Protein backbone atom coordinates (compact mmCIF):
# COMPACT_ATOMS: atom_id res chain seq x y z
CA MET A 1 4.79 -17.08 1.95
CA ASN A 2 6.77 -17.59 5.13
CA LEU A 3 9.32 -15.16 6.50
CA ASN A 4 11.72 -16.06 9.26
CA ILE A 5 12.17 -12.86 11.21
CA PRO A 6 14.47 -13.03 14.21
CA ASP A 7 12.71 -12.88 17.57
CA ASN A 8 14.60 -9.75 18.57
CA VAL A 9 13.06 -7.75 15.70
CA GLU A 10 9.96 -6.07 17.05
CA ILE A 11 7.58 -5.65 14.10
CA ASN A 12 3.90 -6.35 13.66
CA SER A 13 2.18 -7.59 10.53
CA ASN A 14 0.89 -4.11 9.59
CA GLU A 15 4.38 -2.64 9.74
CA LEU A 16 5.73 -5.50 7.65
CA THR A 17 2.99 -5.02 5.06
CA VAL A 18 3.88 -1.32 4.76
CA ILE A 19 7.57 -2.16 4.35
CA VAL A 20 6.87 -4.74 1.66
CA ALA A 21 4.39 -2.54 -0.21
CA THR A 22 6.68 0.50 -0.22
CA ARG A 23 9.68 -1.50 -1.36
CA LEU A 24 7.72 -3.25 -4.12
CA TYR A 25 6.49 0.15 -5.27
CA GLU A 26 10.02 1.61 -5.19
CA ILE A 27 11.41 -1.17 -7.39
CA GLY A 28 8.50 -0.98 -9.82
CA LYS A 29 6.80 -4.25 -8.98
CA LEU A 30 3.60 -2.55 -7.76
CA SER A 31 1.82 0.49 -9.11
CA LEU A 32 0.90 3.33 -6.78
CA GLY A 33 -2.68 2.07 -6.70
CA GLN A 34 -1.68 -1.51 -5.99
CA ALA A 35 0.67 -0.49 -3.18
CA SER A 36 -1.89 1.78 -1.55
CA GLU A 37 -4.54 -0.93 -1.83
CA MET A 38 -2.16 -3.46 -0.30
CA ILE A 39 -1.86 -1.38 2.87
CA GLY A 40 -5.46 -0.18 2.82
CA CYS A 41 -5.08 3.53 2.26
CA SER A 42 -5.70 6.11 -0.46
CA LYS A 43 -3.11 6.93 -3.09
CA ASN A 44 -2.60 10.36 -1.51
CA SER A 45 -2.02 8.82 1.91
CA PHE A 46 0.47 6.39 0.40
CA ILE A 47 2.35 9.26 -1.24
CA GLU A 48 2.47 11.06 2.13
CA LEU A 49 3.74 7.85 3.75
CA LEU A 50 6.55 7.64 1.20
CA GLY A 51 7.49 11.23 1.96
CA ASN A 52 7.79 10.40 5.66
CA LEU A 53 10.15 7.46 5.21
C-alpha cells in the first residue's frame, strides 16, 4: 500500500502504524489483539494507549 503524505507532515512509520491500528480498532476492523500485535505491544499497553489519545 502506498500513502501520499504531504512533506510538511512530520510523522514516522511507527507513529503512522499506531494511527492506523487505533483507527482500525475503533471502527471494528481489527480486534484488540490484532491491533496490539500490529504495533508490537501487549493488549494492556494498547488499552492504555487508547486512553491517552
